[in-house]
């Protein structure tokens, strides 16, 4: 997913936003915009698409417009400028916005973990990270955020990333797979959903992953402090819709896929029979669901969307050590500070949501 792509760098000066763009139409539902750090809302974003499809936000009194806007940088820029009330982005981007630009962006929910891997030919000679020395690695771009994680992994195994490997930008789609097949590159450094699409194209892949990578939080729902101050009830309601959607998708991935195709038919893949298309998109979706499930465990395993300060402290310390940020900050200052926030977000009938998913009324 393209929300994981770039090392975060604000190059445009943006004034700190006031509260979110929210208006009240005659029917009583407040309009809210949610910017997503991606280019296409495919099946891999159930946490922000299902609340629309299933009416979770409307039941809370909000008419939410979910829009893909590019990378995490663009999503946060939309929010900071006041064009969006919320943004679904990389956690590292939120940290960098605070530490580099003094922008009061806050983590609302933790939705995923760092799920990058270095994918290599499963039948090839590369069996461990030590075998990557002297090889060429394909990446989405040379600004890809995952390079920082890989560089740390390489150094820990005696490999100098500046001298012992080469990075080549390949983008998405067919080029990475073709580059691996042709031998132009010997590894592909991408996030889990992207790797799943490579696997859909046929190659058997071995995934090399740093032991600590999945101990860091990643994809997160965020908002501005001004929005929290102005309308904490709205923040709770939007977060609750995301939490319910997460429970639904995990309870019945097949149903989540069917609902997504029905609501967003243009995102359905093509070029194969129906059974294959279902297999492909379930593979894509499973990559995100696994990350969501791991985020739940990472953040305590009791409250959906909970953002554990200890987990975010680890990420802040990693970014500082990797020289992705110049200063640190207390993790508690990064996370929404509404009293009993996550208990309020989780104030819904989990079993009822799971039963609804199993019934699957498309």
Protein backbone atom coordinates (compact mmCIF):
# COMPACT_ATOMS: atom_id res chain seq x y z
CA UNK A 1 0.00 0.00 0.00
CA UNK A 2 1.26 3.35 -0.90
CA UNK A 3 0.68 4.73 2.57
CA UNK A 4 4.03 3.13 3.53
CA UNK A 5 6.12 4.69 0.85
CA UNK A 6 8.19 7.71 1.74
CA UNK A 7 10.48 9.07 4.38
CA UNK A 8 8.38 11.90 5.70
CA UNK A 9 9.55 15.40 4.83
CA UNK A 10 7.43 18.55 4.80
CA UNK A 11 8.71 20.84 2.07
CA UNK A 12 5.74 23.17 2.07
CA UNK A 13 5.18 25.47 5.03
CA UNK A 14 1.67 24.88 6.34
CA UNK A 15 -0.02 26.82 9.05
CA UNK A 16 -1.26 24.73 11.93
CA UNK A 17 -4.88 24.00 11.20
CA UNK A 18 -7.82 25.04 13.21
CA UNK A 19 -10.39 22.34 13.81
CA UNK A 20 -11.52 19.83 11.20
CA UNK A 21 -13.67 20.74 8.22
CA UNK A 22 -17.10 19.83 9.56
CA UNK A 23 -20.50 21.15 8.49
CA UNK A 24 -24.03 20.14 9.40
CA UNK A 25 -26.46 19.34 6.60
CA UNK A 26 -30.19 19.65 7.11
CA UNK A 27 -30.69 15.96 7.79
CA UNK A 28 -28.62 16.27 10.96
CA UNK A 29 -25.53 14.31 9.96
CA UNK A 30 -22.25 16.15 10.30
CA UNK A 31 -20.01 15.95 7.27
CA UNK A 32 -16.45 14.80 7.94
CA UNK A 33 -13.58 14.13 5.54
CA UNK A 34 -11.03 11.36 6.08
CA UNK A 35 -7.86 11.45 3.95
CA UNK A 36 -6.17 8.10 3.40
CA UNK A 37 -2.49 7.76 2.61
CA UNK A 38 -2.91 5.69 -0.54
CA UNK A 39 -3.77 6.15 -4.20
CA UNK A 40 -6.54 3.54 -4.45
CA UNK A 41 -9.01 2.36 -1.81
CA UNK A 42 -8.72 -1.31 -2.66
CA UNK A 43 -9.79 -4.25 -0.51
CA UNK A 44 -6.83 -3.70 1.81
CA UNK A 45 -8.44 -0.78 3.67
CA UNK A 46 -11.44 -2.35 5.46
CA UNK A 47 -10.94 -0.25 8.58
CA UNK A 48 -11.95 2.92 6.69
CA UNK A 49 -14.18 1.57 3.91
CA UNK A 50 -16.43 -0.78 5.90
CA UNK A 51 -17.70 1.95 8.27
CA UNK A 52 -19.18 3.63 5.18
CA UNK A 53 -20.50 0.42 3.62
CA UNK A 54 -22.05 -0.83 6.87
CA UNK A 55 -23.36 2.54 8.04
CA UNK A 56 -21.37 2.60 11.28
CA UNK A 57 -20.55 6.30 11.04
CA UNK A 58 -24.04 7.29 9.93
CA UNK A 59 -25.39 5.52 13.02
CA UNK A 60 -23.13 7.80 15.07
CA UNK A 61 -24.47 10.87 13.24
CA UNK A 62 -21.61 11.47 10.79
CA UNK A 63 -21.49 11.50 7.01
CA UNK A 64 -17.85 10.61 6.34
CA UNK A 65 -16.20 11.12 2.96
CA UNK A 66 -13.19 8.80 2.66
CA UNK A 67 -10.70 9.86 0.00
CA UNK A 68 -7.34 8.43 -1.15
CA UNK A 69 -4.94 11.35 -1.48
CA UNK A 70 -1.49 9.87 -2.14
CA UNK A 71 1.18 9.12 0.43
CA UNK A 72 1.08 9.83 4.17
CA UNK A 73 2.66 13.23 3.52
CA UNK A 74 -0.24 14.33 1.35
CA UNK A 75 -2.82 12.96 3.79
CA UNK A 76 -1.35 14.90 6.70
CA UNK A 77 -1.02 18.01 4.57
CA UNK A 78 -4.74 17.81 3.80
CA UNK A 79 -5.52 17.54 7.49
CA UNK A 80 -3.14 20.30 8.56
CA UNK A 81 -4.61 22.61 5.91
CA UNK A 82 -8.11 21.98 7.28
CA UNK A 83 -9.35 20.03 4.25
CA UNK A 84 -9.76 16.80 6.22
CA UNK A 85 -10.71 16.07 9.79
CA UNK A 86 -8.80 12.79 9.97
CA UNK A 87 -5.98 11.01 8.16
CA UNK A 88 -5.03 7.33 7.98
CA UNK A 89 -1.23 7.37 7.74
CA UNK A 90 2.08 5.85 8.81
CA UNK A 91 2.84 6.32 12.50
CA UNK A 92 6.34 7.44 11.58
CA UNK A 93 4.83 10.28 9.54
CA UNK A 94 2.90 11.49 12.58
CA UNK A 95 6.05 11.39 14.71
CA UNK A 96 8.01 13.32 12.08
CA UNK A 97 5.26 15.92 11.76
CA UNK A 98 5.55 16.56 15.50
CA UNK A 99 9.32 16.42 15.92
CA UNK A 100 10.40 18.05 12.66
CA UNK A 101 7.63 20.57 12.07
CA UNK A 102 6.02 21.08 15.49
CA UNK A 103 2.63 20.16 14.05
CA UNK A 104 0.21 18.89 16.72
CA UNK A 105 -0.90 15.75 14.88
CA UNK A 106 -2.20 13.07 17.24
CA UNK A 107 -2.53 9.30 17.01
CA UNK A 108 -6.19 8.32 17.43
CA UNK A 109 -6.04 4.58 16.71
CA UNK A 110 -3.24 2.12 16.02
CA UNK A 111 -4.28 -0.04 13.05
CA UNK A 112 -1.15 -1.90 11.98
CA UNK A 113 2.48 -2.83 12.55
CA UNK A 114 5.59 -2.52 10.39
CA UNK A 115 4.92 -5.34 7.93
CA UNK A 116 7.75 -4.84 5.45
CA UNK A 117 9.90 -7.69 4.22
CA UNK A 118 12.77 -8.28 1.84
CA UNK A 119 11.24 -10.76 -0.61
CA UNK A 120 13.63 -13.03 -2.52
CA UNK A 121 13.25 -16.04 -4.81
CA UNK A 122 12.23 -18.93 -2.56
CA UNK A 123 14.23 -21.36 -4.71
CA UNK A 124 17.24 -19.08 -5.10
CA UNK A 125 20.58 -18.90 -3.29
CA UNK A 126 19.57 -16.18 -0.80
CA UNK A 127 18.60 -18.02 2.38
CA UNK A 128 19.30 -15.35 5.01
CA UNK A 129 20.00 -11.64 5.23
CA UNK A 130 23.75 -12.33 5.19
CA UNK A 131 23.40 -13.62 1.62
CA UNK A 132 22.18 -10.23 0.38
CA UNK A 133 25.69 -8.74 0.47
CA UNK A 134 26.72 -7.59 -2.98
CA UNK A 135 23.17 -7.82 -4.33
CA UNK A 136 20.71 -5.33 -5.83
CA UNK A 137 17.42 -4.59 -4.08
CA UNK A 138 14.30 -3.22 -5.75
CA UNK A 139 12.25 -0.62 -3.86
CA UNK A 140 9.17 1.49 -4.55
CA UNK A 141 11.35 4.62 -4.55
CA UNK A 142 14.69 5.68 -3.13
CA UNK A 143 12.76 7.65 -0.49
CA UNK A 144 10.90 4.53 0.66
CA UNK A 145 10.56 4.49 4.44
CA UNK A 146 11.33 0.78 4.64
CA UNK A 147 14.94 1.41 3.67
CA UNK A 148 15.61 2.74 7.19
CA UNK A 149 14.43 -0.55 8.71
CA UNK A 150 16.43 -2.64 6.25
CA UNK A 151 19.60 -0.58 6.74
CA UNK A 152 19.47 -1.23 10.48
CA UNK A 153 18.91 -4.95 9.81
CA UNK A 154 21.86 -5.03 7.41
CA UNK A 155 24.24 -3.29 9.81
CA UNK A 156 23.28 -5.72 12.58
CA UNK A 157 24.45 -8.51 10.28
CA UNK A 158 27.75 -6.94 9.29
CA UNK A 159 26.61 -5.47 5.98
CA UNK A 160 27.27 -1.82 5.11
CA UNK A 161 24.17 -0.61 3.23
CA UNK A 162 26.16 2.22 1.65
CA UNK A 163 28.74 -0.12 0.11
CA UNK A 164 27.49 -3.69 0.11
CA UNK A 165 24.05 -3.38 -1.54
CA UNK A 166 22.46 -1.28 -4.26
CA UNK A 167 18.89 0.05 -4.28
CA UNK A 168 16.94 0.44 -7.53
CA UNK A 169 13.55 2.23 -7.71
CA UNK A 170 10.90 0.08 -9.43
CA UNK A 171 7.52 1.48 -8.41
CA UNK A 172 4.56 -0.90 -8.22
CA UNK A 173 2.76 -3.31 -10.52
CA UNK A 174 4.57 -5.57 -12.96
CA UNK A 175 8.08 -3.98 -12.96
CA UNK A 176 9.18 -5.35 -9.55
CA UNK A 177 8.14 -8.90 -10.43
CA UNK A 178 9.80 -8.71 -13.84
CA UNK A 179 12.98 -7.27 -12.31
CA UNK A 180 13.18 -10.19 -9.87
CA UNK A 181 12.46 -12.77 -12.57
CA UNK A 182 15.05 -11.32 -14.95
CA UNK A 183 17.75 -11.04 -12.30
CA UNK A 184 17.93 -7.25 -12.49
CA UNK A 185 17.37 -7.34 -8.73
CA UNK A 186 17.79 -10.16 -6.24
CA UNK A 187 15.37 -8.85 -3.62
CA UNK A 188 12.27 -6.66 -3.32
CA UNK A 189 11.83 -4.46 -0.24
CA UNK A 190 8.09 -3.77 0.04
CA UNK A 191 5.20 -3.72 2.49
CA UNK A 192 3.04 -6.83 3.00
CA UNK A 193 0.12 -5.97 0.71
CA UNK A 194 2.50 -5.16 -2.15
CA UNK A 195 4.37 -8.43 -1.64
CA UNK A 196 1.03 -10.26 -1.73
CA UNK A 197 0.35 -8.80 -5.19
CA UNK A 198 3.78 -10.00 -6.34
CA UNK A 199 2.88 -13.48 -5.10
CA UNK A 200 -0.40 -13.25 -7.00
CA UNK A 201 1.69 -12.86 -10.17
CA UNK A 202 3.22 -16.28 -9.61
CA UNK A 203 6.70 -16.20 -8.06
CA UNK A 204 7.39 -18.16 -4.88
CA UNK A 205 8.97 -15.79 -2.40
CA UNK A 206 11.01 -16.11 0.77
CA UNK A 207 10.51 -13.14 3.11
CA UNK A 208 13.41 -11.87 5.19
CA UNK A 209 12.27 -9.76 8.13
CA UNK A 210 14.11 -8.05 10.97
CA UNK A 211 13.26 -9.56 14.34
CA UNK A 212 12.12 -6.20 15.69
CA UNK A 213 10.14 -4.89 12.73
CA UNK A 214 6.71 -6.06 13.82
CA UNK A 215 7.30 -4.68 17.31
CA UNK A 216 6.77 -1.18 15.91
CA UNK A 217 3.34 0.35 15.30
CA UNK A 218 2.62 1.67 11.84
CA UNK A 219 -0.63 2.50 10.03
CA UNK A 220 -2.73 4.73 12.30
CA UNK A 221 -5.78 6.96 12.33
CA UNK A 222 -4.76 10.50 13.21
CA UNK A 223 -6.26 13.94 13.76
CA UNK A 224 -5.20 17.41 14.86
CA UNK A 225 -5.15 18.45 18.51
CA UNK A 226 -7.51 21.30 17.58
CA UNK A 227 -10.09 18.76 16.39
CA UNK A 228 -9.81 16.86 19.67
CA UNK A 229 -10.24 20.07 21.65
CA UNK A 230 -13.25 21.22 19.64
CA UNK A 231 -15.19 17.97 19.25
CA UNK A 232 -13.97 15.03 21.35
CA UNK A 233 -17.31 13.24 20.89
CA UNK A 234 -16.77 13.19 17.13
CA UNK A 235 -13.27 11.77 17.55
CA UNK A 236 -14.66 8.97 19.71
CA UNK A 237 -17.44 8.24 17.19
CA UNK A 238 -15.15 8.11 14.16
CA UNK A 239 -12.71 5.89 16.04
CA UNK A 240 -15.52 3.58 17.16
CA UNK A 241 -16.60 3.08 13.55
CA UNK A 242 -13.06 2.05 12.62
CA UNK A 243 -12.86 -0.34 15.58
CA UNK A 244 -16.18 -1.99 14.65
CA UNK A 245 -15.05 -2.34 11.03
CA UNK A 246 -11.85 -4.02 12.20
CA UNK A 247 -13.82 -6.56 14.23
CA UNK A 248 -16.15 -7.21 11.27
CA UNK A 249 -13.35 -7.75 8.74
CA UNK A 250 -11.42 -10.09 11.01
CA UNK A 251 -14.58 -12.08 11.77
CA UNK A 252 -15.38 -12.70 8.09
CA UNK A 253 -12.77 -11.67 5.52
CA UNK A 254 -14.81 -13.24 2.69
CA UNK A 255 -17.77 -11.03 3.52
CA UNK A 256 -15.56 -7.96 3.81
CA UNK A 257 -14.31 -8.69 0.28
CA UNK A 258 -17.83 -9.13 -1.12
CA UNK A 259 -18.99 -5.90 0.50
CA UNK A 260 -15.99 -4.04 -0.86
CA UNK A 261 -16.52 -5.22 -4.43
CA UNK A 262 -20.21 -4.29 -4.19
CA UNK A 263 -19.48 -0.78 -2.88
CA UNK A 264 -16.32 -0.10 -4.90
CA UNK A 265 -16.68 -2.17 -8.12
CA UNK A 266 -13.93 -0.26 -9.93
CA UNK A 267 -11.34 -1.69 -7.51
CA UNK A 268 -12.12 -5.30 -8.38
CA UNK A 269 -9.12 -6.85 -10.17
CA UNK A 270 -9.44 -8.30 -13.67
CA UNK A 271 -7.57 -10.60 -16.01
CA UNK A 272 -8.54 -13.96 -14.52
CA UNK A 273 -11.53 -16.11 -13.62
CA UNK A 274 -13.71 -15.22 -10.63
CA UNK A 275 -12.17 -17.80 -8.30
CA UNK A 276 -8.67 -16.51 -9.05
CA UNK A 277 -9.72 -12.89 -8.58
CA UNK A 278 -11.19 -13.77 -5.19
CA UNK A 279 -8.00 -15.60 -4.23
CA UNK A 280 -5.88 -12.61 -5.26
CA UNK A 281 -7.87 -10.03 -3.34
CA UNK A 282 -8.20 -12.23 -0.26
CA UNK A 283 -4.41 -12.58 -0.31
CA UNK A 284 -4.10 -8.79 -0.51
CA UNK A 285 -6.66 -8.26 2.24
CA UNK A 286 -5.12 -10.93 4.48
CA UNK A 287 -1.82 -9.03 4.51
CA UNK A 288 -3.60 -6.03 6.02
CA UNK A 289 -5.76 -8.08 8.38
CA UNK A 290 -2.68 -9.83 9.76
CA UNK A 291 -1.11 -6.44 10.43
CA UNK A 292 -4.31 -5.23 12.13
CA UNK A 293 -4.45 -8.34 14.32
CA UNK A 294 -0.79 -7.93 15.29
CA UNK A 295 -1.39 -4.27 16.14
CA UNK A 296 -4.18 -5.35 18.50
CA UNK A 297 -1.79 -7.73 20.28
CA UNK A 298 1.09 -5.22 20.25
CA UNK A 299 -1.08 -2.61 21.96
CA UNK A 300 -2.32 -4.78 24.80
CA UNK A 301 -4.78 -7.19 23.16
CA UNK A 302 -7.82 -5.88 25.03
CA UNK A 303 -9.08 -2.71 23.35
CA UNK A 304 -9.42 -2.35 19.58
CA UNK A 305 -7.34 0.52 18.24
CA UNK A 306 -5.55 1.11 21.53
CA UNK A 307 -2.27 3.00 21.10
CA UNK A 308 0.21 1.81 23.73
CA UNK A 309 2.77 4.51 24.66
CA UNK A 310 5.43 1.81 25.14
CA UNK A 311 5.06 0.66 21.53
CA UNK A 312 5.25 4.21 20.21
CA UNK A 313 8.25 4.93 22.43
CA UNK A 314 10.08 2.06 20.70
CA UNK A 315 9.24 3.55 17.31
CA UNK A 316 10.36 7.03 18.34
CA UNK A 317 13.66 5.64 19.63
CA UNK A 318 14.18 3.64 16.45
CA UNK A 319 13.56 6.68 14.23
CA UNK A 320 16.01 8.71 16.29
CA UNK A 321 18.69 5.99 16.12
CA UNK A 322 18.13 5.68 12.36
CA UNK A 323 18.49 9.48 12.06
CA UNK A 324 14.98 9.84 10.65
CA UNK A 325 14.22 12.45 13.32
CA UNK A 326 16.52 14.92 15.08
CA UNK A 327 14.77 14.90 18.45
CA UNK A 328 12.44 12.67 20.42
CA UNK A 329 9.20 13.35 22.26
CA UNK A 330 7.19 11.61 25.00
CA UNK A 331 4.93 9.05 23.36
CA UNK A 332 2.04 10.02 25.62
CA UNK A 333 2.07 13.49 24.04
CA UNK A 334 1.66 11.89 20.61
CA UNK A 335 -1.50 9.98 21.49
CA UNK A 336 -5.01 11.37 21.89
CA UNK A 337 -5.51 12.48 25.48
CA UNK A 338 -9.29 12.22 25.89
CA UNK A 339 -10.00 10.58 29.30
CA UNK A 340 -10.92 6.87 29.02
CA UNK A 341 -10.74 7.28 25.26
CA UNK A 342 -10.15 3.67 24.24
CA UNK A 343 -12.76 2.33 26.64
CA UNK A 344 -15.28 4.70 25.06
CA UNK A 345 -14.22 3.70 21.55
CA UNK A 346 -14.75 0.05 22.47
CA UNK A 347 -18.19 0.66 23.96
CA UNK A 348 -20.02 -1.56 21.47
CA UNK A 349 -21.25 -5.15 21.29
CA UNK A 350 -18.35 -7.08 19.75
CA UNK A 351 -20.39 -10.30 19.46
CA UNK A 352 -23.17 -8.49 17.62
CA UNK A 353 -20.65 -7.18 15.09
CA UNK A 354 -19.11 -10.64 14.69
CA UNK A 355 -22.56 -12.21 14.25
CA UNK A 356 -23.39 -9.61 11.61
CA UNK A 357 -20.18 -10.46 9.77
CA UNK A 358 -20.98 -14.16 9.84
CA UNK A 359 -24.50 -13.52 8.55
CA UNK A 360 -22.98 -11.43 5.73
CA UNK A 361 -25.91 -9.56 4.24
CA UNK A 362 -24.46 -8.10 1.05
